[in-house]
Every structure is written in C-alpha cells, then in structure tokens.
C-alpha cells in the first residue's frame, strides 16, 4: 500500500483504493482507460475527487452494497443508518 492509497470498507472487508489518478487508471481494464481519460479531462476540478472515487476507484461490490442499502431504506428499514453525529436513525427525517 502506497502512502497515497485510501481504504474503504466494502461488505465488511477493508479494500485499498489507489490514491492517485495514475493508480486508479492503471487498475482499470485496458478497455476502460480511454473512457476514464475522457471523464477525468472533462470533469470540473470541484467534482473531480468525488467523480473519480465514486465512479472509477470503488469496486463494483461497493456500488452493489450502496444500492442494496438504498433499497432497504426505501422499504423503511433504517438498520445501520446513522446521522452525521453517528446516532442511529430510526425513520425518515421530520421537517
């Protein structure tokens, strides 16, 4: 793991994400690198980290996990959902 690498938990397992654009690009299959280059070059700098991490660095399992969690919340199951202070959420926010 390089000093610039990031870690993220996916399905309860810690995964290492490349911490540089070059590292993310190198980890991609060859056939996706041209698309990656276009997206990176066309993304405004203020959105670059979010776009690259969410769309390119995270493994497919992370996206599947997020979709499953979203579906669970849509069904009214807030298991594992916490607010910004780390407190468990038991239902939709009240306005």
Protein backbone atom coordinates (compact mmCIF):
# COMPACT_ATOMS: atom_id res chain seq x y z
CA UNK A 1 0.00 0.00 0.00
CA UNK A 2 1.41 3.38 -1.03
CA UNK A 3 1.23 6.39 1.28
CA UNK A 4 -1.33 7.99 -1.04
CA UNK A 5 -3.67 4.97 -1.12
CA UNK A 6 -7.08 5.13 0.57
CA UNK A 7 -9.01 2.43 2.34
CA UNK A 8 -12.73 1.80 2.24
CA UNK A 9 -14.94 -0.89 3.76
CA UNK A 10 -16.95 -2.94 1.28
CA UNK A 11 -19.22 -5.70 2.57
CA UNK A 12 -17.33 -5.67 5.85
CA UNK A 13 -13.91 -6.04 4.22
CA UNK A 14 -11.27 -3.30 4.05
CA UNK A 15 -10.24 -2.64 0.46
CA UNK A 16 -7.37 -0.46 -0.71
CA UNK A 17 -8.10 2.16 -3.34
CA UNK A 18 -5.32 3.74 -5.39
CA UNK A 19 -4.66 7.25 -4.13
CA UNK A 20 -3.62 8.78 -7.44
CA UNK A 21 -5.29 9.24 -10.81
CA UNK A 22 -2.49 7.21 -12.37
CA UNK A 23 -3.01 4.40 -9.88
CA UNK A 24 -6.75 4.32 -10.49
CA UNK A 25 -6.20 4.33 -14.26
CA UNK A 26 -3.61 1.56 -14.04
CA UNK A 27 -6.01 -0.61 -12.02
CA UNK A 28 -8.68 -0.38 -14.72
CA UNK A 29 -9.00 -2.90 -17.51
CA UNK A 30 -7.24 -1.61 -20.63
CA UNK A 31 -10.54 -1.19 -22.49
CA UNK A 32 -11.85 1.31 -19.89
CA UNK A 33 -8.81 3.59 -19.73
CA UNK A 34 -9.72 5.78 -22.71
CA UNK A 35 -13.18 6.40 -21.21
CA UNK A 36 -11.53 7.20 -17.85
CA UNK A 37 -9.23 9.74 -19.52
CA UNK A 38 -12.16 11.49 -21.20
CA UNK A 39 -14.18 11.67 -17.98
CA UNK A 40 -11.20 12.96 -15.97
CA UNK A 41 -10.30 15.59 -18.55
CA UNK A 42 -13.91 16.77 -18.88
CA UNK A 43 -14.82 16.87 -15.16
CA UNK A 44 -14.68 20.26 -13.40
CA UNK A 45 -11.98 20.23 -10.71
CA UNK A 46 -14.51 20.83 -7.92
CA UNK A 47 -16.15 17.48 -8.79
CA UNK A 48 -13.06 15.50 -9.72
CA UNK A 49 -12.36 13.62 -6.49
CA UNK A 50 -15.99 12.63 -5.97
CA UNK A 51 -16.44 11.55 -9.60
CA UNK A 52 -13.18 9.58 -9.78
CA UNK A 53 -13.59 7.84 -6.42
CA UNK A 54 -17.29 7.04 -6.78
CA UNK A 55 -17.29 6.14 -10.46
CA UNK A 56 -13.85 4.66 -11.01
CA UNK A 57 -11.90 3.73 -7.87
CA UNK A 58 -14.56 1.86 -5.87
CA UNK A 59 -15.04 -1.78 -6.81
CA UNK A 60 -18.42 -2.90 -8.25
CA UNK A 61 -19.28 -4.53 -4.92
CA UNK A 62 -19.30 -1.09 -3.27
CA UNK A 63 -21.89 0.14 -5.74
CA UNK A 64 -23.99 -3.00 -5.21
CA UNK A 65 -23.79 -2.54 -1.44
CA UNK A 66 -24.89 1.11 -1.72
CA UNK A 67 -27.84 0.17 -3.96
CA UNK A 68 -28.90 -2.56 -1.52
CA UNK A 69 -28.75 -0.10 1.39
CA UNK A 70 -30.78 2.47 -0.56
CA UNK A 71 -33.44 -0.13 -1.38
CA UNK A 72 -33.58 -1.15 2.29
CA UNK A 73 -34.15 2.48 3.34
CA UNK A 74 -36.81 2.91 0.66
CA UNK A 75 -38.63 -0.06 2.23
CA UNK A 76 -38.44 1.69 5.62
CA UNK A 77 -35.62 -0.40 7.09
CA UNK A 78 -33.09 2.01 8.62
CA UNK A 79 -30.83 -0.69 10.07
CA UNK A 80 -27.23 0.59 10.10
CA UNK A 81 -28.15 4.16 9.11
CA UNK A 82 -26.60 6.85 11.29
CA UNK A 83 -26.83 10.63 11.30
CA UNK A 84 -23.74 12.87 10.87
CA UNK A 85 -23.05 12.55 14.62
CA UNK A 86 -23.10 8.74 14.48
CA UNK A 87 -26.50 8.35 16.16
CA UNK A 88 -28.78 5.60 14.80
CA UNK A 89 -31.59 6.79 12.54
CA UNK A 90 -34.94 5.13 13.19
CA UNK A 91 -37.05 6.71 10.44
CA UNK A 92 -37.27 9.41 7.83
CA UNK A 93 -36.32 12.93 8.92
CA UNK A 94 -39.12 15.12 10.15
CA UNK A 95 -39.41 18.64 8.78
